[in-house]
Protein backbone atom coordinates (compact mmCIF):
# COMPACT_ATOMS: atom_id res chain seq x y z
CA MET A 1 -27.04 10.10 6.22
CA THR A 2 -30.03 9.21 8.40
CA ASN A 3 -33.36 9.67 6.64
CA ARG A 4 -36.78 10.58 8.00
CA ARG A 5 -38.04 6.98 8.16
CA GLU A 6 -34.98 5.77 10.05
CA LEU A 7 -35.40 8.54 12.62
CA LEU A 8 -39.10 7.80 13.05
CA THR A 9 -38.49 4.07 13.37
CA ALA A 10 -35.71 4.57 15.90
CA GLY A 11 -37.92 6.86 17.96
CA LEU A 12 -40.80 4.39 17.86
CA ALA A 13 -38.53 1.55 18.94
CA LEU A 14 -37.17 3.50 21.90
CA SER A 15 -40.61 4.62 23.05
CA THR A 16 -41.98 1.09 22.74
CA LEU A 17 -39.15 -0.35 24.84
CA ALA A 18 -39.35 2.39 27.47
CA VAL A 19 -43.00 2.47 28.45
CA PRO A 20 -44.90 -0.72 27.53
CA ALA A 21 -46.06 -1.44 31.08
CA ALA A 22 -47.08 2.16 31.79
CA ALA A 23 -48.88 2.40 28.46
CA ALA A 24 -50.86 -0.76 29.07
CA ALA A 25 -51.80 0.46 32.54
CA GLN A 26 -53.13 3.73 31.12
CA ASP A 27 -55.31 1.82 28.66
CA GLY A 28 -56.86 -0.44 31.27
CA GLY A 29 -54.30 -3.20 30.79
CA LYS A 30 -54.88 -3.38 27.02
CA GLU A 31 -51.92 -2.91 24.73
CA GLY A 32 -52.13 0.30 22.72
CA VAL A 33 -52.41 0.17 18.93
CA MET A 34 -49.08 1.89 18.32
CA ASP A 35 -47.28 -0.47 20.71
CA ARG A 36 -48.93 -3.52 19.16
CA VAL A 37 -48.06 -2.48 15.60
CA ALA A 38 -44.44 -1.81 16.59
CA ARG A 39 -44.23 -5.17 18.39
CA THR A 40 -46.04 -7.44 15.91
CA LYS A 41 -44.98 -5.61 12.72
CA GLU A 42 -48.57 -5.86 11.47
CA LEU A 43 -51.01 -3.04 10.75
CA ARG A 44 -54.66 -4.06 10.38
CA MET A 45 -56.71 -1.84 8.12
CA GLY A 46 -60.41 -2.10 7.37
CA ALA A 47 -61.26 -1.87 3.66
CA VAL A 48 -64.39 -1.98 1.50
CA ALA A 49 -64.10 -4.32 -1.49
CA GLY A 50 -66.31 -2.17 -3.74
CA GLY A 51 -65.12 1.22 -2.55
CA ALA A 52 -62.97 2.29 -5.51
CA PRO A 53 -61.01 4.52 -5.64
CA PHE A 54 -60.74 4.59 -1.81
CA THR A 55 -60.29 0.83 -1.46
CA TYR A 56 -61.14 -2.04 -3.77
CA LYS A 57 -60.19 -5.62 -4.49
CA ASP A 58 -58.92 -6.37 -7.98
CA LEU A 59 -61.11 -9.19 -9.29
CA SER A 60 -58.39 -10.73 -11.47
CA SER A 61 -55.44 -10.63 -9.05
CA GLY A 62 -57.17 -10.48 -5.67
CA GLU A 63 -54.90 -7.56 -4.77
CA TRP A 64 -56.24 -4.71 -2.66
CA LYS A 65 -55.82 -1.30 -4.29
CA GLY A 66 -56.91 2.32 -3.82
CA PHE A 67 -55.45 5.50 -2.39
CA CYS A 68 -56.44 4.61 1.17
CA ILE A 69 -54.52 1.35 0.76
CA ASP A 70 -51.48 3.38 -0.33
CA PHE A 71 -51.90 5.67 2.70
CA ALA A 72 -51.86 2.68 5.04
CA ARG A 73 -48.95 0.96 3.27
CA ASP A 74 -46.80 4.05 3.74
CA ILE A 75 -47.71 4.18 7.44
CA ALA A 76 -46.97 0.47 7.87
CA ALA A 77 -43.59 0.93 6.19
CA THR A 78 -42.62 3.47 8.85
CA PHE A 79 -42.86 0.63 11.39
CA ASP A 80 -41.25 -1.87 8.98
CA ALA A 81 -44.60 -3.62 9.31
CA GLN A 82 -46.83 -5.55 6.93
CA LEU A 83 -50.28 -4.25 6.02
CA LYS A 84 -53.11 -6.69 6.73
CA ILE A 85 -56.45 -5.91 5.06
CA VAL A 86 -59.64 -6.83 6.91
CA GLU A 87 -62.72 -6.57 4.71
CA THR A 88 -65.59 -4.52 6.13
CA THR A 89 -68.31 -2.11 5.00
CA TRP A 90 -68.79 1.64 5.40
CA GLY A 91 -71.60 0.92 7.87
CA ASN A 92 -69.71 -1.68 9.95
CA ALA A 93 -66.34 0.08 10.18
CA VAL A 94 -67.11 1.75 13.52
CA LEU A 95 -68.19 -1.58 15.03
CA ASP A 96 -65.01 -3.27 13.79
CA LEU A 97 -62.90 -0.53 15.37
CA GLU A 98 -64.75 -0.89 18.68
CA ALA A 99 -64.29 -4.67 18.57
CA ASP A 100 -60.54 -4.26 17.98
CA LYS A 101 -60.71 -6.13 14.67
CA ILE A 102 -58.87 -3.32 12.88
CA ASP A 103 -56.37 -0.64 13.83
CA LEU A 104 -57.63 2.05 11.47
CA PHE A 105 -60.18 2.79 8.79
CA PHE A 106 -59.45 5.48 6.22
CA GLY A 107 -62.34 7.06 4.33
CA MET A 108 -64.60 7.77 7.29
CA SER A 109 -66.32 11.13 7.78
CA PRO A 110 -66.38 12.30 11.41
CA THR A 111 -69.77 12.96 12.95
CA PRO A 112 -70.69 13.80 16.55
CA LYS A 113 -72.43 10.43 16.91
CA ARG A 114 -69.42 8.48 15.67
CA ALA A 115 -67.11 10.59 17.84
CA LEU A 116 -68.93 9.26 20.91
CA VAL A 117 -67.35 5.84 20.36
CA VAL A 118 -64.25 6.24 18.15
CA ASP A 119 -61.49 8.78 17.65
CA PHE A 120 -60.63 10.59 14.42
CA CYS A 121 -57.46 11.98 12.92
CA ASN A 122 -57.21 15.24 11.01
CA SER A 123 -58.80 15.56 7.59
CA LEU A 124 -57.02 13.82 4.73
CA PHE A 125 -58.98 15.93 2.25
CA MET A 126 -62.39 17.50 1.68
CA SER A 127 -64.73 15.95 -0.84
CA ALA A 128 -68.19 16.71 -2.23
CA PHE A 129 -71.45 14.80 -2.50
CA ALA A 130 -72.48 13.89 -6.02
CA MET A 131 -75.58 12.45 -7.64
CA ILE A 132 -75.74 9.86 -10.38
CA ARG A 133 -79.08 10.24 -12.17
CA LYS A 134 -80.80 7.55 -14.17
CA ASN A 135 -81.65 8.48 -17.75
CA GLY A 136 -84.82 10.57 -17.83
CA PHE A 137 -84.53 11.94 -14.31
CA GLU A 138 -83.82 15.68 -14.35
CA GLY A 139 -83.24 16.54 -10.69
CA VAL A 140 -80.39 19.00 -10.18
CA ASN A 141 -80.71 20.56 -6.73
CA TRP A 142 -81.31 19.11 -3.28
CA VAL A 143 -84.74 20.71 -3.26
CA ASP A 144 -85.58 18.72 -6.41
CA LEU A 145 -84.76 15.52 -4.56
CA ASN A 146 -86.77 16.34 -1.44
CA ASP A 147 -90.02 15.05 -2.88
CA PRO A 148 -92.09 11.90 -2.14
CA SER A 149 -92.08 11.06 -5.85
CA VAL A 150 -88.27 10.81 -5.91
CA THR A 151 -86.47 7.60 -4.93
CA ILE A 152 -82.86 7.97 -3.77
CA ALA A 153 -80.41 5.10 -3.29
CA VAL A 154 -77.76 5.28 -0.54
CA ASP A 155 -75.55 2.83 1.33
CA VAL A 156 -76.84 2.52 4.88
CA GLY A 157 -74.93 4.18 7.71
CA SER A 158 -72.66 6.15 5.39
CA SER A 159 -72.15 9.90 5.10
CA HIS A 160 -74.26 9.63 1.93
CA ASP A 161 -77.12 8.25 4.01
CA GLN A 162 -76.73 11.02 6.59
CA ILE A 163 -76.77 13.92 4.11
CA VAL A 164 -79.85 12.53 2.34
CA THR A 165 -81.61 11.97 5.66
CA ARG A 166 -80.97 15.59 6.62
CA LEU A 167 -81.68 17.32 3.31
CA CYS A 168 -84.33 15.08 1.78
CA PRO A 169 -86.71 13.98 4.57
CA ASN A 170 -89.66 13.85 2.15
CA ALA A 171 -87.97 11.62 -0.43
CA ASN A 172 -88.33 7.87 -0.71
CA VAL A 173 -84.92 6.59 0.40
CA MET A 174 -83.73 3.09 -0.45
CA ARG A 175 -80.92 2.01 1.88
CA PHE A 176 -78.57 -0.74 0.78
CA LYS A 177 -75.73 -2.62 2.43
CA SER A 178 -73.24 -1.55 -0.24
CA VAL A 179 -72.69 1.14 -2.87
CA ASP A 180 -72.84 -1.53 -5.58
CA GLU A 181 -76.39 -2.49 -4.57
CA GLY A 182 -77.41 1.15 -4.96
CA VAL A 183 -75.81 1.20 -8.42
CA ALA A 184 -77.91 -1.82 -9.39
CA ALA A 185 -81.08 -0.05 -8.21
CA VAL A 186 -80.33 2.96 -10.44
CA GLN A 187 -79.49 0.72 -13.40
CA ALA A 188 -82.73 -1.21 -12.96
CA GLY A 189 -84.76 2.00 -12.70
CA ARG A 190 -85.88 1.23 -9.14
CA ALA A 191 -84.13 4.41 -7.93
CA ASP A 192 -84.09 7.79 -9.66
CA CYS A 193 -80.59 8.58 -8.44
CA GLN A 194 -77.83 7.60 -6.08
CA ILE A 195 -75.95 9.93 -3.74
CA VAL A 196 -72.26 9.14 -3.29
CA ASP A 197 -68.92 10.82 -2.72
CA ILE A 198 -67.60 12.57 -5.84
CA PHE A 199 -64.61 10.21 -6.07
CA LEU A 200 -66.87 7.17 -5.96
CA ALA A 201 -69.18 8.79 -8.52
CA LEU A 202 -66.34 9.55 -10.95
CA THR A 203 -65.16 5.95 -10.70
CA MET A 204 -68.63 4.49 -11.18
CA VAL A 205 -69.36 6.56 -14.29
CA GLN A 206 -65.92 5.78 -15.71
CA LYS A 207 -66.59 2.05 -15.35
CA ASN A 208 -70.10 2.31 -16.78
CA PRO A 209 -70.83 5.47 -18.83
CA GLN A 210 -74.38 4.21 -19.43
CA LEU A 211 -75.15 4.30 -15.71
CA GLY A 212 -76.35 7.91 -15.83
CA LYS A 213 -75.28 11.51 -15.60
CA LEU A 214 -73.04 12.75 -12.80
CA VAL A 215 -74.26 15.96 -11.14
CA VAL A 216 -73.10 17.81 -8.03
CA PRO A 217 -76.41 18.85 -6.38
CA GLN A 218 -76.63 22.52 -5.47
CA PRO A 219 -75.88 24.01 -3.09
CA SER A 220 -72.73 21.92 -2.95
CA TYR A 221 -72.14 20.09 0.32
CA GLY A 222 -69.06 18.18 1.26
CA ALA A 223 -67.62 15.80 3.77
CA SER A 224 -64.21 15.52 5.33
CA THR A 225 -62.40 12.25 4.65
CA ASN A 226 -60.61 11.14 7.80
CA GLY A 227 -59.33 8.07 9.55
CA GLY A 228 -61.10 6.42 12.46
CA PHE A 229 -59.47 4.59 15.40
CA ARG A 230 -60.47 2.60 18.46
CA ARG A 231 -60.62 4.97 21.42
CA GLU A 232 -57.67 4.74 23.80
CA ASP A 233 -56.71 6.59 26.97
CA ARG A 234 -53.52 7.71 25.30
CA ALA A 235 -53.70 9.60 22.02
CA THR A 236 -50.31 8.33 20.81
CA TRP A 237 -51.65 6.48 17.75
CA ARG A 238 -53.90 9.34 16.68
CA ASP A 239 -51.11 11.86 17.20
CA PHE A 240 -48.74 9.78 15.07
CA ILE A 241 -51.28 9.56 12.21
CA ASN A 242 -51.81 13.34 12.40
CA VAL A 243 -48.05 13.87 12.06
CA TRP A 244 -48.08 11.55 9.02
CA ILE A 245 -50.99 13.46 7.45
CA ASN A 246 -49.39 16.86 8.01
CA TYR A 247 -46.09 15.65 6.59
CA GLN A 248 -47.72 14.12 3.48
CA LYS A 249 -49.80 17.24 2.86
CA ASN A 250 -46.72 19.44 3.09
CA ILE A 251 -44.87 17.42 0.44
CA GLY A 252 -47.92 16.77 -1.76
CA GLY A 253 -47.95 13.07 -0.96
CA ILE A 254 -51.67 12.71 -0.34
CA ARG A 255 -52.57 14.49 -3.57
CA GLU A 256 -50.05 12.38 -5.49
CA MET A 257 -51.48 9.10 -4.13
CA VAL A 258 -55.07 10.18 -4.85
CA ILE A 259 -54.33 11.32 -8.42
CA ARG A 260 -52.23 8.22 -9.17
CA ASN A 261 -55.03 5.90 -8.11
CA MET A 262 -57.68 7.87 -9.99
CA GLU A 263 -55.66 7.73 -13.19
CA ALA A 264 -54.99 4.00 -12.68
CA ILE A 265 -58.72 3.35 -13.09
CA GLY A 266 -59.03 5.69 -16.04
CA VAL A 267 -60.26 8.85 -14.32
CA SER A 268 -58.32 11.91 -15.46
CA ALA A 269 -57.21 14.41 -12.85
CA SER A 270 -58.84 17.10 -14.98
CA THR A 271 -62.30 15.68 -14.22
CA ILE A 272 -61.91 16.20 -10.47
CA PRO A 273 -63.94 19.30 -9.53
CA GLU A 274 -62.02 22.39 -8.46
CA GLY A 275 -62.11 23.40 -4.83
CA LEU A 276 -61.48 19.98 -3.34
CA ASP A 277 -58.86 20.16 -0.59
CA LEU A 278 -56.19 17.70 -1.71
C-alpha cells in the first residue's frame, strides 16, 4: 500500500524532472528552493541557539533540538533529505533568507515590513506576549510599563521589540542581540522586566525559577508564529509548506511536536495558557 510520504515524494520527483529549466527561467535563472532541496537532498534551516523551546543547541551533545527543528525534520524527510542547521538570530533571519543562506526560518512573526522582502507561510500557531518581572517590580499591565521609570529588556528586531516599541513608547527600552542577554539584564537588576513569547518565558522560568515572576500583560496581545522564505517568482515552496502545515494541524501533529518538546525541557502542558491556537 502506498503511503502519503511515498505519494508526495513521487510527485515531487516528477515535477522536478519535468520543469527545471522553466522554473529557473521564471526565477530569473536562479534555481527554486523546492527544486534545489529535491535535487541536493539538503534542507537548510536557520535556527537560534538560545531560542528554546523553538530551537536550541544542547550544550552537552551539540545536538539541535526544539519543536521548530522537529517541524523541519519532518519536511526534510518528505524529500528524503537531510536537515542542515545554520545558526542565526531572530534579528538576522530575514537577512539570511534574502542572502540565500537558508531555505526557511520557523518562528518568525509576519509583519508588513518583513513582507516587503520575504514571503510567509500560514500560521503554525498563535502565541502570546509574556513578561518576566524582576523581584520587587509590580508591573502587570502594558500601561504600567509605558513609563520613563520602567526599563524593559527585548531582543532587537524581534516581535518582542516591535510590540514594546508600539505599546511602551515612554519606557526605557534596552535592546540586546539575544534573548539570553536580556535575561542577564533582568537577573542583574539592570532591567525591570523582559518581554518575550510565552513559550520562551515558560522555558526561561523553568530553567531558573529565581529569575522572576511570569505575567501575561493585559490586555493580552499575541503574535502568529510562521515560517519565512526567500521571495521567489513561483510560490511552489510556500504552497508546499502550507500543505504540510494544514495536514499537520488536521492530524494534531503540530500540537504533538510542541507539547513533546515543552515536556522534554520540564514544562508541563498544563502550564500553557488556554486560548493558544495549537
